[in-house]
Structure formats: C-alpha cells, structure tokens
C-alpha atoms as a PDB file:
ATOM      1  CA  MET A   1       0.085  -0.007  -0.083  1.00  0.00           C
ATOM      2  CA  PHE A   2       2.676   2.733   1.067  1.00  0.00           C
ATOM      3  CA  PHE A   3       4.414   1.490  -2.524  1.00  0.00           C
ATOM      4  CA  VAL A   4       1.753   3.172  -4.780  1.00  0.00           C
ATOM      5  CA  PHE A   5       1.617   5.919  -1.302  1.00  0.00           C
ATOM      6  CA  ASP A   6       4.759   6.858  -2.495  1.00  0.00           C
ATOM      7  CA  ARG A   7       4.957   6.732  -6.320  1.00  0.00           C
ATOM      8  CA  PHE A   8       0.997   8.073  -7.108  1.00  0.00           C
ATOM      9  CA  GLY A   9      -0.841   8.943  -4.689  1.00  0.00           C
ATOM     10  CA  TRP A  10       1.003  11.350  -2.568  1.00  0.00           C
ATOM     11  CA  ARG A  11       0.324  13.290  -6.739  1.00  0.00           C
ATOM     12  CA  TRP A  12      -3.795  12.665  -6.772  1.00  0.00           C
ATOM     13  CA  ARG A  13      -4.796  16.902  -6.175  1.00  0.00           C
ATOM     14  CA  GLY A  14      -6.960  16.270  -3.165  1.00  0.00           C
ATOM     15  CA  VAL A  15      -4.095  13.962  -1.369  1.00  0.00           C
ATOM     16  CA  ARG A  16      -1.516  16.328  -2.236  1.00  0.00           C
ATOM     17  CA  SER A  17      -3.164  19.209  -0.736  1.00  0.00           C
ATOM     18  CA  ALA A  18      -4.017  17.437   3.100  1.00  0.00           C
ATOM     19  CA  VAL A  19       0.024  16.081   3.081  1.00  0.00           C
ATOM     20  CA  GLY A  20       0.885  19.913   1.984  1.00  0.00           C
ATOM     21  CA  ILE A  21       4.021  18.000  -0.226  1.00  0.00           C
ATOM     22  CA  PRO A  22       3.310  19.572  -3.995  1.00  0.00           C
ATOM     23  CA  ASP A  23       4.988  17.650  -7.055  1.00  0.00           C
ATOM     24  CA  VAL A  24       8.042  20.054  -8.673  1.00  0.00           C
ATOM     25  CA  SER A  25       8.832  16.955 -10.799  1.00  0.00           C
ATOM     26  CA  GLY A  26       9.529  16.865 -14.079  1.00  0.00           C
ATOM     27  CA  THR A  27      11.975  18.945 -16.409  1.00  0.00           C
ATOM     28  CA  TRP A  28      12.314  22.101 -16.112  1.00  0.00           C
ATOM     29  CA  SER A  29      14.959  25.078 -18.607  1.00  0.00           C
ATOM     30  CA  LEU A  30      17.780  26.392 -16.893  1.00  0.00           C
ATOM     31  CA  ASP A  31      19.091  29.474 -17.458  1.00  0.00           C
ATOM     32  CA  GLY A  32      22.290  30.384 -14.939  1.00  0.00           C
ATOM     33  CA  VAL A  33      24.977  33.016 -14.687  1.00  0.00           C
ATOM     34  CA  SER A  34      28.148  31.968 -12.709  1.00  0.00           C
ATOM     35  CA  TYR A  35      30.588  34.868 -10.825  1.00  0.00           C
ATOM     36  CA  ASP A  36      34.258  33.863 -10.235  1.00  0.00           C
ATOM     37  CA  GLN A  37      35.191  34.186  -6.529  1.00  0.00           C
ATOM     38  CA  ASP A  38      35.599  38.114  -7.097  1.00  0.00           C
ATOM     39  CA  HIS A  39      31.849  38.449  -7.711  1.00  0.00           C
ATOM     40  CA  GLN A  40      32.185  39.487 -11.069  1.00  0.00           C
ATOM     41  CA  PRO A  41      30.152  37.372 -13.775  1.00  0.00           C
ATOM     42  CA  LYS A  42      32.489  34.963 -15.306  1.00  0.00           C
ATOM     43  CA  TRP A  43      30.403  32.410 -17.180  1.00  0.00           C
ATOM     44  CA  GLN A  44      26.353  32.255 -18.845  1.00  0.00           C
ATOM     45  CA  TRP A  45      24.883  28.965 -19.009  1.00  0.00           C
ATOM     46  CA  SER A  46      21.854  27.304 -19.500  1.00  0.00           C
ATOM     47  CA  GLY A  47      21.174  23.750 -19.533  1.00  0.00           C
ATOM     48  CA  GLN A  48      17.511  21.276 -18.575  1.00  0.00           C
ATOM     49  CA  VAL A  49      16.994  20.127 -15.025  1.00  0.00           C
ATOM     50  CA  GLU A  50      14.712  16.497 -14.476  1.00  0.00           C
ATOM     51  CA  ILE A  51      13.531  16.437 -10.970  1.00  0.00           C
ATOM     52  CA  THR A  52      12.428  12.871 -10.210  1.00  0.00           C
ATOM     53  CA  GLN A  53      10.127  13.208  -6.972  1.00  0.00           C
ATOM     54  CA  LYS A  54       8.344  10.370  -4.736  1.00  0.00           C
ATOM     55  CA  TYR A  55       6.558  10.799  -1.449  1.00  0.00           C
ATOM     56  CA  GLU A  56       9.554  10.368   0.678  1.00  0.00           C
ATOM     57  CA  LYS A  57      12.676  11.384  -1.749  1.00  0.00           C
ATOM     58  CA  ILE A  58      13.289  13.918  -4.427  1.00  0.00           C
ATOM     59  CA  PHE A  59      16.603  13.562  -6.908  1.00  0.00           C
ATOM     60  CA  VAL A  60      18.252  16.483  -9.255  1.00  0.00           C
ATOM     61  CA  CYS A  61      19.302  15.818 -12.695  1.00  0.00           C
ATOM     62  CA  LEU A  62      20.935  18.903 -13.832  1.00  0.00           C
ATOM     63  CA  ARG A  63      22.407  18.877 -17.538  1.00  0.00           C
ATOM     64  CA  THR A  64      24.563  21.089 -19.889  1.00  0.00           C
ATOM     65  CA  ALA A  65      26.527  21.175 -22.731  1.00  0.00           C
ATOM     66  CA  GLN A  66      29.160  21.001 -20.679  1.00  0.00           C
ATOM     67  CA  SER A  67      29.273  18.712 -17.658  1.00  0.00           C
ATOM     68  CA  GLY A  68      26.279  17.115 -15.881  1.00  0.00           C
ATOM     69  CA  SER A  69      24.871  16.944 -12.062  1.00  0.00           C
ATOM     70  CA  HIS A  70      22.656  14.881  -9.448  1.00  0.00           C
ATOM     71  CA  SER A  71      21.574  15.153  -6.158  1.00  0.00           C
ATOM     72  CA  ILE A  72      23.999  13.540  -2.902  1.00  0.00           C
ATOM     73  CA  SER A  73      20.346  14.510  -0.948  1.00  0.00           C
ATOM     74  CA  ALA A  74      17.866  17.262  -0.935  1.00  0.00           C
ATOM     75  CA  ALA A  75      14.500  18.549   0.920  1.00  0.00           C
ATOM     76  CA  LEU A  76      11.945  20.365   0.130  1.00  0.00           C
ATOM     77  CA  VAL A  77      10.993  23.111   2.357  1.00  0.00           C
ATOM     78  CA  PRO A  78       7.765  25.099   2.371  1.00  0.00           C
ATOM     79  CA  GLU A  79       7.877  28.918   2.507  1.00  0.00           C
ATOM     80  CA  GLY A  80       4.594  30.437   3.142  1.00  0.00           C
ATOM     81  CA  ARG A  81       3.016  29.640   0.029  1.00  0.00           C
ATOM     82  CA  ARG A  82       6.160  28.576  -1.915  1.00  0.00           C
ATOM     83  CA  TYR A  83       8.451  26.112  -1.487  1.00  0.00           C
ATOM     84  CA  ARG A  84      12.391  25.427  -1.863  1.00  0.00           C
ATOM     85  CA  LEU A  85      13.984  23.055  -2.894  1.00  0.00           C
ATOM     86  CA  ILE A  86      18.058  22.482  -0.828  1.00  0.00           C
ATOM     87  CA  TYR A  87      20.085  20.241  -2.022  1.00  0.00           C
ATOM     88  CA  SER A  88      23.771  18.982  -2.522  1.00  0.00           C
ATOM     89  CA  TYR A  89      25.235  17.535  -5.530  1.00  0.00           C
ATOM     90  CA  ARG A  90      27.951  16.717  -7.796  1.00  0.00           C
ATOM     91  CA  ASN A  91      29.134  17.773 -10.804  1.00  0.00           C
ATOM     92  CA  GLN A  92      31.886  15.780 -13.602  1.00  0.00           C
ATOM     93  CA  PRO A  93      32.395  17.813 -16.356  1.00  0.00           C
ATOM     94  CA  LYS A  94      32.470  16.082 -20.397  1.00  0.00           C
ATOM     95  CA  PRO A  95      35.658  15.065 -21.429  1.00  0.00           C
ATOM     96  CA  GLY A  96      37.144  17.948 -23.243  1.00  0.00           C
ATOM     97  CA  GLU A  97      36.531  20.685 -20.874  1.00  0.00           C
ATOM     98  CA  PRO A  98      40.074  21.691 -19.809  1.00  0.00           C
ATOM     99  CA  GLU A  99      38.390  25.050 -17.381  1.00  0.00           C
ATOM    100  CA  LEU A 100      35.729  22.150 -15.515  1.00  0.00           C
ATOM    101  CA  GLN A 101      36.870  20.208 -13.157  1.00  0.00           C
ATOM    102  CA  ALA A 102      34.876  17.037 -11.151  1.00  0.00           C
ATOM    103  CA  HIS A 103      33.035  18.860  -7.978  1.00  0.00           C
ATOM    104  CA  ILE A 104      30.998  19.072  -5.732  1.00  0.00           C
ATOM    105  CA  GLY A 105      28.141  21.802  -4.471  1.00  0.00           C
ATOM    106  CA  HIS A 106      24.687  23.248  -2.835  1.00  0.00           C
ATOM    107  CA  CYS A 107      22.079  24.746  -4.661  1.00  0.00           C
ATOM    108  CA  GLU A 108      18.916  26.102  -3.632  1.00  0.00           C
ATOM    109  CA  LEU A 109      15.710  27.070  -5.445  1.00  0.00           C
ATOM    110  CA  LEU A 110      12.583  28.671  -4.127  1.00  0.00           C
ATOM    111  CA  PHE A 111       9.861  27.937  -6.520  1.00  0.00           C
ATOM    112  CA  GLU A 112       6.961  30.129  -6.706  1.00  0.00           C
ATOM    113  CA  PRO A 113       3.458  28.722  -5.767  1.00  0.00           C
ATOM    114  CA  ASP A 114       2.338  28.419  -9.607  1.00  0.00           C
ATOM    115  CA  LEU A 115       5.265  25.583  -9.245  1.00  0.00           C
ATOM    116  CA  GLN A 116       5.996  26.753 -12.643  1.00  0.00           C
ATOM    117  CA  THR A 117       9.257  28.969 -12.203  1.00  0.00           C
ATOM    118  CA  ALA A 118      12.070  28.640  -9.604  1.00  0.00           C
ATOM    119  CA  GLU A 119      15.053  30.829  -8.641  1.00  0.00           C
ATOM    120  CA  GLY A 120      18.200  29.996  -6.330  1.00  0.00           C
ATOM    121  CA  CYS A 121      22.048  30.239  -6.596  1.00  0.00           C
ATOM    122  CA  TYR A 122      24.329  27.708  -6.212  1.00  0.00           C
ATOM    123  CA  PHE A 123      27.990  27.479  -4.914  1.00  0.00           C
ATOM    124  CA  ASN A 124      30.818  24.949  -5.260  1.00  0.00           C
ATOM    125  CA  GLY A 125      33.998  23.537  -4.065  1.00  0.00           C
ATOM    126  CA  GLY A 126      36.018  20.664  -3.438  1.00  0.00           C
ATOM    127  CA  GLY A 127      37.551  21.653  -7.217  1.00  0.00           C
ATOM    128  CA  ARG A 128      35.559  24.483  -8.685  1.00  0.00           C
ATOM    129  CA  PHE A 129      35.171  27.817  -6.384  1.00  0.00           C
ATOM    130  CA  THR A 130      32.831  29.241  -8.433  1.00  0.00           C
ATOM    131  CA  HIS A 131      28.940  30.398  -7.370  1.00  0.00           C
ATOM    132  CA  GLY A 132      26.171  32.243  -9.497  1.00  0.00           C
ATOM    133  CA  THR A 133      22.343  32.061 -10.293  1.00  0.00           C
ATOM    134  CA  MET A 134      19.433  29.949 -11.782  1.00  0.00           C
ATOM    135  CA  SER A 135      16.216  30.190 -13.374  1.00  0.00           C
ATOM    136  CA  LEU A 136      14.808  26.968 -13.848  1.00  0.00           C
ATOM    137  CA  LYS A 137      10.793  27.311 -16.037  1.00  0.00           C
ATOM    138  CA  ARG A 138       9.100  24.365 -16.045  1.00  0.00           C
ATOM    139  CA  SER A 139       9.362  23.023 -20.190  1.00  0.00           C
ATOM    140  CA  VAL A 140       5.907  21.435 -19.643  1.00  0.00           C
ATOM    141  CA  PRO A 141       3.102  23.808 -17.756  1.00  0.00           C
ATOM    142  CA  ASP A 142       1.587  21.266 -15.011  1.00  0.00           C
ATOM    143  CA  ALA A 143      -2.292  21.038 -15.311  1.00  0.00           C
ATOM    144  CA  ALA A 144      -2.249  20.765 -11.415  1.00  0.00           C
END
C-alpha cells in the first residue's frame, strides 16, 4: 500500500493538499550565471533539470553542454505559499572541458506558488570555487 502511495497516491490533487507536499517533478529549462571568486560574472550558461520525486525522496539531475550533475541529498521546505528545494550535488564535466573539474556543490531553489518557475543560487567547492544564480521554467506546464 505504501508503495502505491509513495509512487502515485500523494500526487492526486486532494491528497497532495492534505499532505502539504507539492509536485515539482518534471523537466525544467534552466538559465544560469556563474561568478568568480571576486563576485564578477564569468559565464552565462543554460541547461535542463530533471526532477524525479516520490513522496519521501527527491532526485535532481542537471545537464548542460559542458557537464552533468546529480543530487546526493535533497529536501523540499515550505516557505509560506512557496517551497524551497535544497540539495547538494556532485558534478562531472564532459571530456574535453579544460576549464572544468569534478566538484561538489550546494543549491537552493525557491519555487513560485504556481510551481511553474523557480529561482535560486548555488556554490561549489572541492575542485571548482564559483557560485551563481539559476532561473528555472517548467518545460511542460503542470495541469495542477
């Protein structure tokens, strides 16, 4: 019974309202800006974020032309009518990317109440010392 609830049941509109967990799963387009250690814009980039969500777990996968990352841990926290997705990740550059090194990082994204857009920031360490901002837009609007 929990298997069905964990995978599907919590997504039903009435149940989702009762348990207080929004459905942020899906594909999101992404625009980002990276800043160097002196807080100067260094790179503008874009990509795609795939969020896989169950009742108890969230997995975030980000892909760009230069690298890919996946979440190690994630949590969704209510903030009034909005929700903040907080996650740590590992990033692996694609072969042939001389300016990138494998690194770890932390990201926080604040979703608007309609769950169609989110904005946030991130920082990296352990191989790449940058930080930046990100804007997400749901690729296929949610009917919820």
